[in-house]
Amino acid sequence: MNYKKIIEFIKKEKTILYPTDTVWGLGCDATNQEAVKKIYQLKNREESKSLIILVDSVKMLQKHVGNIPEKALEILKISEKPTTIIYNNPKGLAPNTIASDNTIAIRIPQDEFCIQLIKEFGKPIVSTSANVSGEPTPKSFSEISEAILKNVDYVVNLHQEKVAEKSSTILKIEGDDVIVIRE
């Protein structure tokens, strides 16, 4: 896989369409406000709706979340399926990735391609489903709409035959309580 070419696009505020550990995702540099704005335009989605961010490790997560709850670290250790956790007070990310309540949804993907891409890029990457807002989430590459395919800057040629079962589980931790946002 030629990571350098994909990273060149990401560094130039471009958008990518790529396979994640769940569904196909639209991605860009999660620290670049202009690049993130392009994702919202592609999805025809208002910027008040936050996005999921992918990081390659707990170490990268710590750079962008002031205080990782112990409960979150426990969940990350034992989770066998893709799990996104909502964290408070994110830092070093584009403001338009952050929800109005100053939280951010972050996942460490369980996918070698994603981890390697983020590792080589050195920064978090946006990961939002590859669909126009309001349309169903595509479970495979063949279900991605023409509007997305035509307007994204770069399509990763990998796992295009894979069918995803579902999106990640989304959890929010408040004190000792774990709240399931999406199963």
C-alpha atoms as a PDB file:
ATOM      1  CA  MET A   1       0.000   0.000   0.000  1.00  0.00           C
ATOM      2  CA  ASN A   2       1.346   3.418  -0.972  1.00  0.00           C
ATOM      3  CA  TYR A   3       0.736   5.437   2.189  1.00  0.00           C
ATOM      4  CA  LYS A   4       2.887   8.339   0.946  1.00  0.00           C
ATOM      5  CA  LYS A   5       0.459   9.197  -1.852  1.00  0.00           C
ATOM      6  CA  ILE A   6      -2.559   9.158   0.503  1.00  0.00           C
ATOM      7  CA  ILE A   7      -0.689  11.272   3.060  1.00  0.00           C
ATOM      8  CA  GLU A   8       0.241  13.815   0.356  1.00  0.00           C
ATOM      9  CA  PHE A   9      -3.478  14.359  -0.247  1.00  0.00           C
ATOM     10  CA  ILE A  10      -4.259  14.641   3.464  1.00  0.00           C
ATOM     11  CA  LYS A  11      -1.455  17.168   3.991  1.00  0.00           C
ATOM     12  CA  LYS A  12      -2.886  19.350   1.199  1.00  0.00           C
ATOM     13  CA  GLU A  13      -6.291  19.736   2.944  1.00  0.00           C
ATOM     14  CA  LYS A  14      -7.783  17.091   0.657  1.00  0.00           C
ATOM     15  CA  THR A  15     -10.439  14.488   1.467  1.00  0.00           C
ATOM     16  CA  ILE A  16     -10.051  10.737   1.170  1.00  0.00           C
ATOM     17  CA  LEU A  17     -12.493   7.852   0.895  1.00  0.00           C
ATOM     18  CA  TYR A  18     -11.069   4.852   2.735  1.00  0.00           C
ATOM     19  CA  PRO A  19     -11.942   1.528   4.354  1.00  0.00           C
ATOM     20  CA  THR A  20     -11.988   1.645   8.158  1.00  0.00           C
ATOM     21  CA  ASP A  21     -12.432  -1.113  10.716  1.00  0.00           C
ATOM     22  CA  THR A  22     -16.182  -0.585  10.293  1.00  0.00           C
ATOM     23  CA  VAL A  23     -17.811   1.064   7.260  1.00  0.00           C
ATOM     24  CA  TRP A  24     -16.171   3.048   4.449  1.00  0.00           C
ATOM     25  CA  GLY A  25     -15.187   6.450   5.742  1.00  0.00           C
ATOM     26  CA  LEU A  26     -14.572   9.968   4.551  1.00  0.00           C
ATOM     27  CA  GLY A  27     -11.396  11.301   6.068  1.00  0.00           C
ATOM     28  CA  CYS A  28      -9.019  14.222   6.302  1.00  0.00           C
ATOM     29  CA  ASP A  29      -6.578  15.841   8.722  1.00  0.00           C
ATOM     30  CA  ALA A  30      -8.566  16.146  11.968  1.00  0.00           C
ATOM     31  CA  THR A  31      -6.420  19.120  13.034  1.00  0.00           C
ATOM     32  CA  ASN A  32      -7.125  21.192   9.913  1.00  0.00           C
ATOM     33  CA  GLN A  33     -10.319  23.268  10.002  1.00  0.00           C
ATOM     34  CA  GLU A  34     -10.433  23.851   6.215  1.00  0.00           C
ATOM     35  CA  ALA A  35     -10.047  20.142   5.431  1.00  0.00           C
ATOM     36  CA  VAL A  36     -12.786  19.275   7.939  1.00  0.00           C
ATOM     37  CA  LYS A  37     -15.063  21.894   6.345  1.00  0.00           C
ATOM     38  CA  LYS A  38     -14.733  19.961   3.044  1.00  0.00           C
ATOM     39  CA  ILE A  39     -15.968  16.781   4.771  1.00  0.00           C
ATOM     40  CA  TYR A  40     -19.098  18.598   5.959  1.00  0.00           C
ATOM     41  CA  GLN A  41     -19.645  19.915   2.420  1.00  0.00           C
ATOM     42  CA  LEU A  42     -19.216  16.420   0.935  1.00  0.00           C
ATOM     43  CA  LYS A  43     -21.779  15.018   3.369  1.00  0.00           C
ATOM     44  CA  ASN A  44     -24.060  18.048   2.999  1.00  0.00           C
ATOM     45  CA  ARG A  45     -24.102  18.180   6.778  1.00  0.00           C
ATOM     46  CA  GLU A  46     -24.151  21.114   9.150  1.00  0.00           C
ATOM     47  CA  GLU A  47     -20.960  21.711  11.100  1.00  0.00           C
ATOM     48  CA  SER A  48     -22.782  21.570  14.429  1.00  0.00           C
ATOM     49  CA  LYS A  49     -22.857  17.762  14.158  1.00  0.00           C
ATOM     50  CA  SER A  50     -19.566  16.402  15.443  1.00  0.00           C
ATOM     51  CA  LEU A  51     -17.414  13.792  13.705  1.00  0.00           C
ATOM     52  CA  ILE A  52     -15.561  10.666  14.803  1.00  0.00           C
ATOM     53  CA  ILE A  53     -11.776  10.935  14.924  1.00  0.00           C
ATOM     54  CA  LEU A  54      -9.329   8.027  14.576  1.00  0.00           C
ATOM     55  CA  VAL A  55      -6.007   7.868  16.447  1.00  0.00           C
ATOM     56  CA  ASP A  56      -3.385   5.132  16.202  1.00  0.00           C
ATOM     57  CA  SER A  57      -2.751   4.528  19.911  1.00  0.00           C
ATOM     58  CA  VAL A  58      -3.502   5.462  23.506  1.00  0.00           C
ATOM     59  CA  LYS A  59      -0.387   7.664  23.318  1.00  0.00           C
ATOM     60  CA  MET A  60      -1.892   9.742  20.474  1.00  0.00           C
ATOM     61  CA  LEU A  61      -5.232   9.773  22.288  1.00  0.00           C
ATOM     62  CA  GLN A  62      -3.525  11.314  25.350  1.00  0.00           C
ATOM     63  CA  LYS A  63      -2.226  14.187  23.197  1.00  0.00           C
ATOM     64  CA  HIS A  64      -5.773  15.176  22.276  1.00  0.00           C
ATOM     65  CA  VAL A  65      -7.735  14.387  25.426  1.00  0.00           C
ATOM     66  CA  GLY A  66      -6.702  16.093  28.640  1.00  0.00           C
ATOM     67  CA  ASN A  67      -7.927  13.428  31.011  1.00  0.00           C
ATOM     68  CA  ILE A  68      -8.710   9.897  29.843  1.00  0.00           C
ATOM     69  CA  PRO A  69     -11.035   8.240  32.358  1.00  0.00           C
ATOM     70  CA  GLU A  70      -9.695   4.987  33.831  1.00  0.00           C
ATOM     71  CA  LYS A  71     -12.936   3.328  32.727  1.00  0.00           C
ATOM     72  CA  ALA A  72     -12.184   4.281  29.088  1.00  0.00           C
ATOM     73  CA  LEU A  73      -8.736   2.668  29.277  1.00  0.00           C
ATOM     74  CA  GLU A  74     -10.313  -0.513  30.696  1.00  0.00           C
ATOM     75  CA  ILE A  75     -12.876  -0.598  27.864  1.00  0.00           C
ATOM     76  CA  LEU A  76     -10.168  -0.050  25.225  1.00  0.00           C
ATOM     77  CA  LYS A  77      -8.157  -2.979  26.640  1.00  0.00           C
ATOM     78  CA  ILE A  78     -11.009  -5.495  26.603  1.00  0.00           C
ATOM     79  CA  SER A  79     -13.128  -4.338  23.669  1.00  0.00           C
ATOM     80  CA  GLU A  80     -13.236  -6.890  20.876  1.00  0.00           C
ATOM     81  CA  LYS A  81     -15.300  -4.829  18.479  1.00  0.00           C
ATOM     82  CA  PRO A  82     -14.733  -1.294  17.168  1.00  0.00           C
ATOM     83  CA  THR A  83     -15.587   1.079  20.011  1.00  0.00           C
ATOM     84  CA  THR A  84     -15.730   4.860  19.832  1.00  0.00           C
ATOM     85  CA  ILE A  85     -15.613   6.746  23.127  1.00  0.00           C
ATOM     86  CA  ILE A  86     -16.770  10.322  23.685  1.00  0.00           C
ATOM     87  CA  TYR A  87     -14.222  12.354  25.652  1.00  0.00           C
ATOM     88  CA  ASN A  88     -14.443  15.755  27.354  1.00  0.00           C
ATOM     89  CA  ASN A  89     -12.218  18.774  26.688  1.00  0.00           C
ATOM     90  CA  PRO A  90     -10.386  17.765  23.509  1.00  0.00           C
ATOM     91  CA  LYS A  91      -7.289  19.705  22.456  1.00  0.00           C
ATOM     92  CA  GLY A  92      -5.226  20.145  19.312  1.00  0.00           C
ATOM     93  CA  LEU A  93      -8.079  19.253  16.953  1.00  0.00           C
ATOM     94  CA  ALA A  94      -9.906  21.397  14.409  1.00  0.00           C
ATOM     95  CA  PRO A  95     -12.674  23.328  16.225  1.00  0.00           C
ATOM     96  CA  ASN A  96     -15.269  22.065  13.730  1.00  0.00           C
ATOM     97  CA  THR A  97     -14.649  18.447  14.813  1.00  0.00           C
ATOM     98  CA  ILE A  98     -15.694  19.226  18.382  1.00  0.00           C
ATOM     99  CA  ALA A  99     -19.307  19.005  19.567  1.00  0.00           C
ATOM    100  CA  SER A 100     -21.024  22.049  21.081  1.00  0.00           C
ATOM    101  CA  ASP A 101     -20.682  20.524  24.569  1.00  0.00           C
ATOM    102  CA  ASN A 102     -16.859  20.453  24.121  1.00  0.00           C
ATOM    103  CA  THR A 103     -16.633  16.695  23.570  1.00  0.00           C
ATOM    104  CA  ILE A 104     -15.099  14.583  20.825  1.00  0.00           C
ATOM    105  CA  ALA A 105     -15.738  11.007  19.699  1.00  0.00           C
ATOM    106  CA  ILE A 106     -12.468   9.103  19.212  1.00  0.00           C
ATOM    107  CA  ARG A 107     -11.690   5.513  18.215  1.00  0.00           C
ATOM    108  CA  ILE A 108      -8.475   3.532  17.991  1.00  0.00           C
ATOM    109  CA  PRO A 109      -9.258   1.414  14.927  1.00  0.00           C
ATOM    110  CA  GLN A 110      -8.805  -2.348  14.897  1.00  0.00           C
ATOM    111  CA  ASP A 111      -7.510  -2.302  11.349  1.00  0.00           C
ATOM    112  CA  GLU A 112      -3.893  -2.503  10.229  1.00  0.00           C
ATOM    113  CA  PHE A 113      -4.348  -0.158   7.243  1.00  0.00           C
ATOM    114  CA  CYS A 114      -5.951   2.593   9.366  1.00  0.00           C
ATOM    115  CA  ILE A 115      -3.401   2.318  12.162  1.00  0.00           C
ATOM    116  CA  GLN A 116      -0.491   2.432   9.713  1.00  0.00           C
ATOM    117  CA  LEU A 117      -1.986   5.387   7.817  1.00  0.00           C
ATOM    118  CA  ILE A 118      -2.450   7.417  11.014  1.00  0.00           C
ATOM    119  CA  LYS A 119       0.972   6.395  12.323  1.00  0.00           C
ATOM    120  CA  GLU A 120       2.689   7.525   9.101  1.00  0.00           C
ATOM    121  CA  PHE A 121       0.638  10.738   8.942  1.00  0.00           C
ATOM    122  CA  GLY A 122       1.436  11.428  12.601  1.00  0.00           C
ATOM    123  CA  LYS A 123      -1.892  13.077  13.431  1.00  0.00           C
ATOM    124  CA  PRO A 124      -5.536  12.029  13.954  1.00  0.00           C
ATOM    125  CA  ILE A 125      -7.758  11.516  10.921  1.00  0.00           C
ATOM    126  CA  VAL A 126     -11.481  12.192  10.590  1.00  0.00           C
ATOM    127  CA  SER A 127     -13.638   9.118  10.068  1.00  0.00           C
ATOM    128  CA  THR A 128     -17.254   9.714   9.176  1.00  0.00           C
ATOM    129  CA  SER A 129     -19.440   7.366   7.158  1.00  0.00           C
ATOM    130  CA  ALA A 130     -19.170   7.812   3.387  1.00  0.00           C
ATOM    131  CA  ASN A 131     -22.708   8.993   2.760  1.00  0.00           C
ATOM    132  CA  VAL A 132     -24.590  12.210   2.211  1.00  0.00           C
ATOM    133  CA  SER A 133     -26.389  13.191   5.428  1.00  0.00           C
ATOM    134  CA  GLY A 134     -29.780  11.545   5.726  1.00  0.00           C
ATOM    135  CA  GLU A 135     -28.922   8.703   3.343  1.00  0.00           C
ATOM    136  CA  PRO A 136     -28.226   5.163   4.579  1.00  0.00           C
ATOM    137  CA  THR A 137     -24.667   4.315   5.646  1.00  0.00           C
ATOM    138  CA  PRO A 138     -23.041   2.271   2.854  1.00  0.00           C
ATOM    139  CA  LYS A 139     -22.013  -1.187   4.076  1.00  0.00           C
ATOM    140  CA  SER A 140     -19.713  -1.761   1.099  1.00  0.00           C
ATOM    141  CA  PHE A 141     -17.821   0.227  -1.518  1.00  0.00           C
ATOM    142  CA  SER A 142     -20.452  -0.573  -4.160  1.00  0.00           C
ATOM    143  CA  GLU A 143     -23.134   1.190  -2.054  1.00  0.00           C
ATOM    144  CA  ILE A 144     -21.282   4.535  -1.947  1.00  0.00           C
ATOM    145  CA  SER A 145     -23.229   7.199  -3.825  1.00  0.00           C
ATOM    146  CA  GLU A 146     -22.028   8.825  -7.017  1.00  0.00           C
ATOM    147  CA  ALA A 147     -22.155  12.227  -5.254  1.00  0.00           C
ATOM    148  CA  ILE A 148     -19.490  11.081  -2.785  1.00  0.00           C
ATOM    149  CA  LEU A 149     -17.334   9.219  -5.329  1.00  0.00           C
ATOM    150  CA  LYS A 150     -17.348  12.176  -7.710  1.00  0.00           C
ATOM    151  CA  ASN A 151     -16.478  14.825  -5.129  1.00  0.00           C
ATOM    152  CA  VAL A 152     -13.934  13.161  -2.833  1.00  0.00           C
ATOM    153  CA  ASP A 153     -10.299  14.002  -3.677  1.00  0.00           C
ATOM    154  CA  TYR A 154      -8.784  10.515  -3.361  1.00  0.00           C
ATOM    155  CA  VAL A 155     -10.213   6.983  -3.223  1.00  0.00           C
ATOM    156  CA  VAL A 156      -8.107   4.331  -1.489  1.00  0.00           C
ATOM    157  CA  ASN A 157      -8.029   1.205  -3.620  1.00  0.00           C
ATOM    158  CA  LEU A 158      -8.234  -1.402  -0.863  1.00  0.00           C
ATOM    159  CA  HIS A 159     -10.866  -3.825   0.522  1.00  0.00           C
ATOM    160  CA  GLN A 160     -13.415  -2.659  -2.054  1.00  0.00           C
ATOM    161  CA  GLU A 161     -15.135  -6.054  -1.911  1.00  0.00           C
ATOM    162  CA  LYS A 162     -15.472  -6.068   1.908  1.00  0.00           C
ATOM    163  CA  VAL A 163     -18.949  -5.756   3.423  1.00  0.00           C
ATOM    164  CA  ALA A 164     -19.135  -4.151   6.871  1.00  0.00           C
ATOM    165  CA  GLU A 165     -21.599  -5.534   9.357  1.00  0.00           C
ATOM    166  CA  LYS A 166     -22.153  -2.234  11.176  1.00  0.00           C
ATOM    167  CA  SER A 167     -20.758   1.024  12.497  1.00  0.00           C
ATOM    168  CA  SER A 168     -18.792   1.228  15.739  1.00  0.00           C
ATOM    169  CA  THR A 169     -20.318   1.159  19.200  1.00  0.00           C
ATOM    170  CA  ILE A 170     -20.312   4.663  20.702  1.00  0.00           C
ATOM    171  CA  LEU A 171     -19.914   5.074  24.463  1.00  0.00           C
ATOM    172  CA  LYS A 172     -19.856   8.095  26.755  1.00  0.00           C
ATOM    173  CA  ILE A 173     -18.367   7.855  30.223  1.00  0.00           C
ATOM    174  CA  GLU A 174     -19.744  10.019  32.996  1.00  0.00           C
ATOM    175  CA  GLY A 175     -18.103   9.309  36.338  1.00  0.00           C
ATOM    176  CA  ASP A 176     -18.450   5.549  36.822  1.00  0.00           C
ATOM    177  CA  ASP A 177     -21.347   5.271  34.394  1.00  0.00           C
ATOM    178  CA  VAL A 178     -20.913   4.034  30.841  1.00  0.00           C
ATOM    179  CA  ILE A 179     -23.701   5.331  28.612  1.00  0.00           C
ATOM    180  CA  VAL A 180     -24.311   3.529  25.318  1.00  0.00           C
ATOM    181  CA  ILE A 181     -25.017   6.129  22.611  1.00  0.00           C
ATOM    182  CA  ARG A 182     -24.993   3.644  19.703  1.00  0.00           C
ATOM    183  CA  GLU A 183     -24.815  -0.140  20.057  1.00  0.00           C
END
